[in-house]
Amino acid sequence: MARDDLSRLVAFLAQRDPATARRAHATLEGALISLTELSERGFLVDPGLGLRELKVKFGRYGYAIQYRVDKDSVFVAQIFHVRETR
């Protein structure tokens, strides 16, 4: 699902500005990779599920990555633009 989210977000930007879409993709990929070393840095949005959220700055509003950490693994639940209706 998160891969689909990333593809959808980049495709949306690519319709108007392919260069911006490439930068957004690189920014989000970098944030995802960073979670392998700093997985606890996102804030808890649902303590019961252990769901965390990392805000990713990009443009005026940016993106959010929701994920959970289980031992040595990070499971990304979803990626979305912060102004997106979900």
PDB file of N, CA and C in Angstrom:
ATOM      1  N   MET A   1       0.822  -1.195   0.000  1.00  0.00           N
ATOM      2  CA  MET A   1       0.000   0.000   0.000  1.00  0.00           C
ATOM      3  C   MET A   1       0.869   1.262   0.000  1.00  0.00           C
ATOM      4  N   ALA A   2       1.926   1.291   0.817  1.00  0.00           N
ATOM      5  CA  ALA A   2       2.773   2.481   0.871  1.00  0.00           C
ATOM      6  C   ALA A   2       3.472   2.716  -0.464  1.00  0.00           C
ATOM      7  N   ARG A   3       3.863   1.644  -1.145  1.00  0.00           N
ATOM      8  CA  ARG A   3       4.474   1.800  -2.474  1.00  0.00           C
ATOM      9  C   ARG A   3       3.475   2.436  -3.437  1.00  0.00           C
ATOM     10  N   ASP A   4       2.236   2.009  -3.349  1.00  0.00           N
ATOM     11  CA  ASP A   4       1.185   2.598  -4.188  1.00  0.00           C
ATOM     12  C   ASP A   4       0.999   4.077  -3.859  1.00  0.00           C
ATOM     13  N   ASP A   5       1.051   4.406  -2.568  1.00  0.00           N
ATOM     14  CA  ASP A   5       0.925   5.804  -2.155  1.00  0.00           C
ATOM     15  C   ASP A   5       2.048   6.638  -2.758  1.00  0.00           C
ATOM     16  N   LEU A   6       3.269   6.140  -2.661  1.00  0.00           N
ATOM     17  CA  LEU A   6       4.416   6.870  -3.197  1.00  0.00           C
ATOM     18  C   LEU A   6       4.271   7.064  -4.704  1.00  0.00           C
ATOM     19  N   SER A   7       3.898   6.024  -5.399  1.00  0.00           N
ATOM     20  CA  SER A   7       3.707   6.120  -6.854  1.00  0.00           C
ATOM     21  C   SER A   7       2.615   7.125  -7.207  1.00  0.00           C
ATOM     22  N   ARG A   8       1.525   7.090  -6.467  1.00  0.00           N
ATOM     23  CA  ARG A   8       0.398   8.000  -6.718  1.00  0.00           C
ATOM     24  C   ARG A   8       0.797   9.454  -6.492  1.00  0.00           C
ATOM     25  N   LEU A   9       1.499   9.714  -5.409  1.00  0.00           N
ATOM     26  CA  LEU A   9       1.911  11.078  -5.097  1.00  0.00           C
ATOM     27  C   LEU A   9       2.874  11.629  -6.143  1.00  0.00           C
ATOM     28  N   VAL A  10       3.817  10.805  -6.558  1.00  0.00           N
ATOM     29  CA  VAL A  10       4.794  11.237  -7.562  1.00  0.00           C
ATOM     30  C   VAL A  10       4.114  11.427  -8.915  1.00  0.00           C
ATOM     31  N   ALA A  11       3.213  10.531  -9.280  1.00  0.00           N
ATOM     32  CA  ALA A  11       2.501  10.651 -10.561  1.00  0.00           C
ATOM     33  C   ALA A  11       1.669  11.930 -10.603  1.00  0.00           C
ATOM     34  N   PHE A  12       1.054  12.278  -9.483  1.00  0.00           N
ATOM     35  CA  PHE A  12       0.263  13.509  -9.418  1.00  0.00           C
ATOM     36  C   PHE A  12       1.140  14.725  -9.722  1.00  0.00           C
ATOM     37  N   LEU A  13       2.304  14.785  -9.096  1.00  0.00           N
ATOM     38  CA  LEU A  13       3.212  15.906  -9.337  1.00  0.00           C
ATOM     39  C   LEU A  13       3.767  15.896 -10.756  1.00  0.00           C
ATOM     40  N   ALA A  14       4.038  14.717 -11.281  1.00  0.00           N
ATOM     41  CA  ALA A  14       4.648  14.595 -12.609  1.00  0.00           C
ATOM     42  C   ALA A  14       3.749  15.144 -13.710  1.00  0.00           C
ATOM     43  N   GLN A  15       2.448  15.153 -13.486  1.00  0.00           N
ATOM     44  CA  GLN A  15       1.524  15.703 -14.478  1.00  0.00           C
ATOM     45  C   GLN A  15       1.796  17.184 -14.726  1.00  0.00           C
ATOM     46  N   ARG A  16       2.239  17.883 -13.701  1.00  0.00           N
ATOM     47  CA  ARG A  16       2.466  19.329 -13.821  1.00  0.00           C
ATOM     48  C   ARG A  16       3.940  19.690 -13.925  1.00  0.00           C
ATOM     49  N   ASP A  17       4.776  18.956 -13.189  1.00  0.00           N
ATOM     50  CA  ASP A  17       6.191  19.330 -13.139  1.00  0.00           C
ATOM     51  C   ASP A  17       7.049  18.094 -12.848  1.00  0.00           C
ATOM     52  N   PRO A  18       7.561  17.448 -13.886  1.00  0.00           N
ATOM     53  CA  PRO A  18       8.363  16.236 -13.694  1.00  0.00           C
ATOM     54  C   PRO A  18       9.587  16.434 -12.791  1.00  0.00           C
ATOM     55  N   ALA A  19      10.222  17.589 -12.858  1.00  0.00           N
ATOM     56  CA  ALA A  19      11.397  17.829 -12.012  1.00  0.00           C
ATOM     57  C   ALA A  19      11.009  17.860 -10.533  1.00  0.00           C
ATOM     58  N   THR A  20       9.891  18.496 -10.223  1.00  0.00           N
ATOM     59  CA  THR A  20       9.405  18.527  -8.842  1.00  0.00           C
ATOM     60  C   THR A  20       9.031  17.127  -8.389  1.00  0.00           C
ATOM     61  N   ALA A  21       8.444  16.346  -9.272  1.00  0.00           N
ATOM     62  CA  ALA A  21       8.085  14.963  -8.946  1.00  0.00           C
ATOM     63  C   ALA A  21       9.332  14.154  -8.600  1.00  0.00           C
ATOM     64  N   ARG A  22      10.400  14.344  -9.355  1.00  0.00           N
ATOM     65  CA  ARG A  22      11.647  13.620  -9.067  1.00  0.00           C
ATOM     66  C   ARG A  22      12.222  14.038  -7.716  1.00  0.00           C
ATOM     67  N   ARG A  23      12.160  15.326  -7.414  1.00  0.00           N
ATOM     68  CA  ARG A  23      12.651  15.802  -6.114  1.00  0.00           C
ATOM     69  C   ARG A  23      11.803  15.253  -4.962  1.00  0.00           C
ATOM     70  N   ALA A  24      10.491  15.227  -5.153  1.00  0.00           N
ATOM     71  CA  ALA A  24       9.605  14.681  -4.115  1.00  0.00           C
ATOM     72  C   ALA A  24       9.904  13.207  -3.886  1.00  0.00           C
ATOM     73  N   HIS A  25      10.091  12.471  -4.970  1.00  0.00           N
ATOM     74  CA  HIS A  25      10.403  11.044  -4.852  1.00  0.00           C
ATOM     75  C   HIS A  25      11.702  10.848  -4.075  1.00  0.00           C
ATOM     76  N   ALA A  26      12.729  11.608  -4.421  1.00  0.00           N
ATOM     77  CA  ALA A  26      14.014  11.488  -3.730  1.00  0.00           C
ATOM     78  C   ALA A  26      13.888  11.863  -2.253  1.00  0.00           C
ATOM     79  N   THR A  27      13.122  12.897  -1.962  1.00  0.00           N
ATOM     80  CA  THR A  27      12.926  13.331  -0.578  1.00  0.00           C
ATOM     81  C   THR A  27      12.212  12.261   0.232  1.00  0.00           C
ATOM     82  N   LEU A  28      11.143  11.704  -0.325  1.00  0.00           N
ATOM     83  CA  LEU A  28      10.387  10.667   0.390  1.00  0.00           C
ATOM     84  C   LEU A  28      11.205   9.388   0.539  1.00  0.00           C
ATOM     85  N   GLU A  29      11.923   9.000  -0.497  1.00  0.00           N
ATOM     86  CA  GLU A  29      12.785   7.810  -0.396  1.00  0.00           C
ATOM     87  C   GLU A  29      13.837   8.013   0.692  1.00  0.00           C
ATOM     88  N   GLY A  30      14.418   9.208   0.743  1.00  0.00           N
ATOM     89  CA  GLY A  30      15.408   9.498   1.778  1.00  0.00           C
ATOM     90  C   GLY A  30      14.819   9.399   3.175  1.00  0.00           C
ATOM     91  N   ALA A  31      13.604   9.898   3.340  1.00  0.00           N
ATOM     92  CA  ALA A  31      12.933   9.816   4.643  1.00  0.00           C
ATOM     93  C   ALA A  31      12.655   8.365   5.018  1.00  0.00           C
ATOM     94  N   LEU A  32      12.233   7.572   4.041  1.00  0.00           N
ATOM     95  CA  LEU A  32      11.972   6.156   4.305  1.00  0.00           C
ATOM     96  C   LEU A  32      13.254   5.429   4.701  1.00  0.00           C
ATOM     97  N   ILE A  33      14.323   5.695   3.999  1.00  0.00           N
ATOM     98  CA  ILE A  33      15.606   5.057   4.319  1.00  0.00           C
ATOM     99  C   ILE A  33      16.079   5.481   5.705  1.00  0.00           C
ATOM    100  N   SER A  34      15.857   6.745   6.060  1.00  0.00           N
ATOM    101  CA  SER A  34      16.300   7.233   7.367  1.00  0.00           C
ATOM    102  C   SER A  34      15.611   6.513   8.521  1.00  0.00           C
ATOM    103  N   LEU A  35      14.432   5.986   8.273  1.00  0.00           N
ATOM    104  CA  LEU A  35      13.715   5.267   9.335  1.00  0.00           C
ATOM    105  C   LEU A  35      14.423   3.985   9.743  1.00  0.00           C
ATOM    106  N   THR A  36      15.288   3.464   8.887  1.00  0.00           N
ATOM    107  CA  THR A  36      16.024   2.246   9.248  1.00  0.00           C
ATOM    108  C   THR A  36      17.019   2.512  10.369  1.00  0.00           C
ATOM    109  N   GLU A  37      17.459   3.766  10.514  1.00  0.00           N
ATOM    110  CA  GLU A  37      18.416   4.091  11.570  1.00  0.00           C
ATOM    111  C   GLU A  37      17.799   4.899  12.706  1.00  0.00           C
ATOM    112  N   LEU A  38      16.768   5.657  12.422  1.00  0.00           N
ATOM    113  CA  LEU A  38      16.134   6.506  13.435  1.00  0.00           C
ATOM    114  C   LEU A  38      14.631   6.240  13.482  1.00  0.00           C
ATOM    115  N   SER A  39      14.268   5.008  13.688  1.00  0.00           N
ATOM    116  CA  SER A  39      12.861   4.608  13.582  1.00  0.00           C
ATOM    117  C   SER A  39      11.955   5.218  14.645  1.00  0.00           C
ATOM    118  N   GLU A  40      12.493   5.610  15.773  1.00  0.00           N
ATOM    119  CA  GLU A  40      11.663   6.130  16.862  1.00  0.00           C
ATOM    120  C   GLU A  40      11.426   7.637  16.764  1.00  0.00           C
ATOM    121  N   ARG A  41      11.925   8.291  15.730  1.00  0.00           N
ATOM    122  CA  ARG A  41      11.847   9.747  15.689  1.00  0.00           C
ATOM    123  C   ARG A  41      10.470  10.296  15.357  1.00  0.00           C
ATOM    124  N   GLY A  42       9.638   9.552  14.693  1.00  0.00           N
ATOM    125  CA  GLY A  42       8.276  10.007  14.432  1.00  0.00           C
ATOM    126  C   GLY A  42       7.468  10.022  15.723  1.00  0.00           C
ATOM    127  N   PHE A  43       6.439  10.860  15.763  1.00  0.00           N
ATOM    128  CA  PHE A  43       5.630  10.925  16.978  1.00  0.00           C
ATOM    129  C   PHE A  43       4.520   9.873  16.938  1.00  0.00           C
ATOM    130  N   LEU A  44       4.108   9.413  18.111  1.00  0.00           N
ATOM    131  CA  LEU A  44       3.053   8.405  18.212  1.00  0.00           C
ATOM    132  C   LEU A  44       1.706   9.023  17.874  1.00  0.00           C
ATOM    133  N   VAL A  45       0.984   8.419  16.934  1.00  0.00           N
ATOM    134  CA  VAL A  45      -0.372   8.870  16.616  1.00  0.00           C
ATOM    135  C   VAL A  45      -1.406   7.899  17.166  1.00  0.00           C
ATOM    136  N   ASP A  46      -0.990   6.661  17.408  1.00  0.00           N
ATOM    137  CA  ASP A  46      -1.873   5.656  18.005  1.00  0.00           C
ATOM    138  C   ASP A  46      -1.017   4.732  18.865  1.00  0.00           C
ATOM    139  N   PRO A  47      -0.868   5.079  20.151  1.00  0.00           N
ATOM    140  CA  PRO A  47      -0.021   4.271  21.023  1.00  0.00           C
ATOM    141  C   PRO A  47      -0.459   2.809  21.120  1.00  0.00           C
ATOM    142  N   GLY A  48      -1.754   2.557  21.055  1.00  0.00           N
ATOM    143  CA  GLY A  48      -2.249   1.187  21.141  1.00  0.00           C
ATOM    144  C   GLY A  48      -1.746   0.306  20.013  1.00  0.00           C
ATOM    145  N   LEU A  49      -1.639   0.881  18.831  1.00  0.00           N
ATOM    146  CA  LEU A  49      -1.139   0.139  17.665  1.00  0.00           C
ATOM    147  C   LEU A  49       0.352   0.359  17.441  1.00  0.00           C
ATOM    148  N   GLY A  50       0.935   1.279  18.200  1.00  0.00           N
ATOM    149  CA  GLY A  50       2.339   1.617  17.989  1.00  0.00           C
ATOM    150  C   GLY A  50       2.558   2.383  16.696  1.00  0.00           C
ATOM    151  N   LEU A  51       1.512   3.042  16.204  1.00  0.00           N
ATOM    152  CA  LEU A  51       1.592   3.761  14.934  1.00  0.00           C
ATOM    153  C   LEU A  51       2.250   5.121  15.137  1.00  0.00           C
ATOM    154  N   ARG A  52       3.280   5.365  14.358  1.00  0.00           N
ATOM    155  CA  ARG A  52       4.033   6.615  14.416  1.00  0.00           C
ATOM    156  C   ARG A  52       3.846   7.395  13.130  1.00  0.00           C
ATOM    157  N   GLU A  53       4.139   8.693  13.187  1.00  0.00           N
ATOM    158  CA  GLU A  53       4.042   9.524  11.992  1.00  0.00           C
ATOM    159  C   GLU A  53       5.271  10.413  11.902  1.00  0.00           C
ATOM    160  N   LEU A  54       5.868  10.409  10.731  1.00  0.00           N
ATOM    161  CA  LEU A  54       7.011  11.256  10.437  1.00  0.00           C
ATOM    162  C   LEU A  54       6.578  12.303   9.426  1.00  0.00           C
ATOM    163  N   LYS A  55       6.744  13.568   9.777  1.00  0.00           N
ATOM    164  CA  LYS A  55       6.452  14.653   8.839  1.00  0.00           C
ATOM    165  C   LYS A  55       7.679  14.850   7.959  1.00  0.00           C
ATOM    166  N   VAL A  56       7.434  14.995   6.656  1.00  0.00           N
ATOM    167  CA  VAL A  56       8.513  15.173   5.688  1.00  0.00           C
ATOM    168  C   VAL A  56       8.305  16.522   5.009  1.00  0.00           C
ATOM    169  N   LYS A  57       9.221  17.434   5.228  1.00  0.00           N
ATOM    170  CA  LYS A  57       9.098  18.770   4.636  1.00  0.00           C
ATOM    171  C   LYS A  57       9.339  18.698   3.137  1.00  0.00           C
ATOM    172  N   PHE A  58       8.413  19.300   2.402  1.00  0.00           N
ATOM    173  CA  PHE A  58       8.561  19.421   0.954  1.00  0.00           C
ATOM    174  C   PHE A  58       7.588  20.491   0.489  1.00  0.00           C
ATOM    175  N   GLY A  59       8.108  21.538  -0.089  1.00  0.00           N
ATOM    176  CA  GLY A  59       7.231  22.620  -0.515  1.00  0.00           C
ATOM    177  C   GLY A  59       6.584  23.294   0.681  1.00  0.00           C
ATOM    178  N   ARG A  60       5.418  23.830   0.463  1.00  0.00           N
ATOM    179  CA  ARG A  60       4.723  24.577   1.508  1.00  0.00           C
ATOM    180  C   ARG A  60       4.157  23.671   2.597  1.00  0.00           C
ATOM    181  N   TYR A  61       3.673  22.499   2.238  1.00  0.00           N
ATOM    182  CA  TYR A  61       2.964  21.661   3.207  1.00  0.00           C
ATOM    183  C   TYR A  61       3.657  20.352   3.546  1.00  0.00           C
ATOM    184  N   GLY A  62       4.163  19.637   2.592  1.00  0.00           N
ATOM    185  CA  GLY A  62       4.889  18.407   2.855  1.00  0.00           C
ATOM    186  C   GLY A  62       4.026  17.158   2.900  1.00  0.00           C
ATOM    187  N   TYR A  63       4.633  16.108   3.410  1.00  0.00           N
ATOM    188  CA  TYR A  63       4.037  14.780   3.421  1.00  0.00           C
ATOM    189  C   TYR A  63       4.124  14.184   4.817  1.00  0.00           C
ATOM    190  N   ALA A  64       3.401  13.102   5.020  1.00  0.00           N
ATOM    191  CA  ALA A  64       3.473  12.354   6.270  1.00  0.00           C
ATOM    192  C   ALA A  64       3.635  10.876   5.933  1.00  0.00           C
ATOM    193  N   ILE A  65       4.471  10.224   6.712  1.00  0.00           N
ATOM    194  CA  ILE A  65       4.666   8.779   6.595  1.00  0.00           C
ATOM    195  C   ILE A  65       4.193   8.175   7.906  1.00  0.00           C
ATOM    196  N   GLN A  66       3.202   7.305   7.833  1.00  0.00           N
ATOM    197  CA  GLN A  66       2.743   6.604   9.033  1.00  0.00           C
ATOM    198  C   GLN A  66       3.319   5.194   9.001  1.00  0.00           C
ATOM    199  N   TYR A  67       3.857   4.774  10.149  1.00  0.00           N
ATOM    200  CA  TYR A  67       4.564   3.495  10.207  1.00  0.00           C
ATOM    201  C   TYR A  67       4.546   2.953  11.631  1.00  0.00           C
ATOM    202  N   ARG A  68       4.966   1.712  11.755  1.00  0.00           N
ATOM    203  CA  ARG A  68       5.151   1.135  13.087  1.00  0.00           C
ATOM    204  C   ARG A  68       6.462   0.368  13.103  1.00  0.00           C
ATOM    205  N   VAL A  69       7.012   0.261  14.289  1.00  0.00           N
ATOM    206  CA  VAL A  69       8.287  -0.418  14.475  1.00  0.00           C
ATOM    207  C   VAL A  69       8.021  -1.703  15.242  1.00  0.00           C
ATOM    208  N   ASP A  70       8.561  -2.800  14.739  1.00  0.00           N
ATOM    209  CA  ASP A  70       8.427  -4.095  15.400  1.00  0.00           C
ATOM    210  C   ASP A  70       9.815  -4.712  15.480  1.00  0.00           C
ATOM    211  N   LYS A  71      10.397  -4.659  16.661  1.00  0.00           N
ATOM    212  CA  LYS A  71      11.763  -5.140  16.887  1.00  0.00           C
ATOM    213  C   LYS A  71      12.721  -4.402  15.962  1.00  0.00           C
ATOM    214  N   ASP A  72      13.285  -5.085  14.985  1.00  0.00           N
ATOM    215  CA  ASP A  72      14.264  -4.470  14.084  1.00  0.00           C
ATOM    216  C   ASP A  72      13.685  -4.127  12.723  1.00  0.00           C
ATOM    217  N   SER A  73      12.369  -4.113  12.598  1.00  0.00           N
ATOM    218  CA  SER A  73      11.739  -3.842  11.306  1.00  0.00           C
ATOM    219  C   SER A  73      10.825  -2.625  11.391  1.00  0.00           C
ATOM    220  N   VAL A  74      10.736  -1.915  10.266  1.00  0.00           N
ATOM    221  CA  VAL A  74       9.832  -0.775  10.142  1.00  0.00           C
ATOM    222  C   VAL A  74       8.804  -1.131   9.077  1.00  0.00           C
ATOM    223  N   PHE A  75       7.535  -1.033   9.424  1.00  0.00           N
ATOM    224  CA  PHE A  75       6.447  -1.331   8.496  1.00  0.00           C
ATOM    225  C   PHE A  75       5.716  -0.028   8.178  1.00  0.00           C
ATOM    226  N   VAL A  76       5.778   0.396   6.921  1.00  0.00           N
ATOM    227  CA  VAL A  76       5.137   1.644   6.516  1.00  0.00           C
ATOM    228  C   VAL A  76       3.685   1.354   6.160  1.00  0.00           C
ATOM    229  N   ALA A  77       2.775   2.034   6.844  1.00  0.00           N
ATOM    230  CA  ALA A  77       1.343   1.830   6.620  1.00  0.00           C
ATOM    231  C   ALA A  77       0.840   2.682   5.467  1.00  0.00           C
ATOM    232  N   GLN A  78       1.245   3.960   5.451  1.00  0.00           N
ATOM    233  CA  GLN A  78       0.779   4.851   4.385  1.00  0.00           C
ATOM    234  C   GLN A  78       1.651   6.094   4.298  1.00  0.00           C
ATOM    235  N   ILE A  79       1.604   6.697   3.123  1.00  0.00           N
ATOM    236  CA  ILE A  79       2.289   7.962   2.852  1.00  0.00           C
ATOM    237  C   ILE A  79       1.250   8.873   2.211  1.00  0.00           C
ATOM    238  N   PHE A  80       1.168  10.112   2.687  1.00  0.00           N
ATOM    239  CA  PHE A  80       0.167  11.012   2.122  1.00  0.00           C
ATOM    240  C   PHE A  80       0.622  12.458   2.219  1.00  0.00           C
ATOM    241  N   HIS A  81       0.046  13.303   1.361  1.00  0.00           N
ATOM    242  CA  HIS A  81       0.265  14.745   1.429  1.00  0.00           C
ATOM    243  C   HIS A  81      -0.557  15.253   2.601  1.00  0.00           C
ATOM    244  N   VAL A  82       0.000  16.173   3.374  1.00  0.00           N
ATOM    245  CA  VAL A  82      -0.689  16.586   4.599  1.00  0.00           C
ATOM    246  C   VAL A  82      -2.004  17.319   4.352  1.00  0.00           C
ATOM    247  N   ARG A  83      -2.212  17.839   3.153  1.00  0.00           N
ATOM    248  CA  ARG A  83      -3.484  18.508   2.848  1.00  0.00           C
ATOM    249  C   ARG A  83      -4.455  17.596   2.106  1.00  0.00           C
ATOM    250  N   GLU A  84      -4.078  16.370   1.928  1.00  0.00           N
ATOM    251  CA  GLU A  84      -4.888  15.403   1.184  1.00  0.00           C
ATOM    252  C   GLU A  84      -6.094  14.962   2.013  1.00  0.00           C
ATOM    253  N   THR A  85      -7.231  14.865   1.381  1.00  0.00           N
ATOM    254  CA  THR A  85      -8.418  14.320   2.038  1.00  0.00           C
ATOM    255  C   THR A  85      -8.286  12.807   2.031  1.00  0.00           C
ATOM    256  N   ARG A  86      -8.347  12.213   3.228  1.00  0.00           N
ATOM    257  CA  ARG A  86      -8.173  10.762   3.312  1.00  0.00           C
ATOM    258  C   ARG A  86      -9.405  10.137   3.894  1.00  0.00           C
TER     259      ARG A  86
END
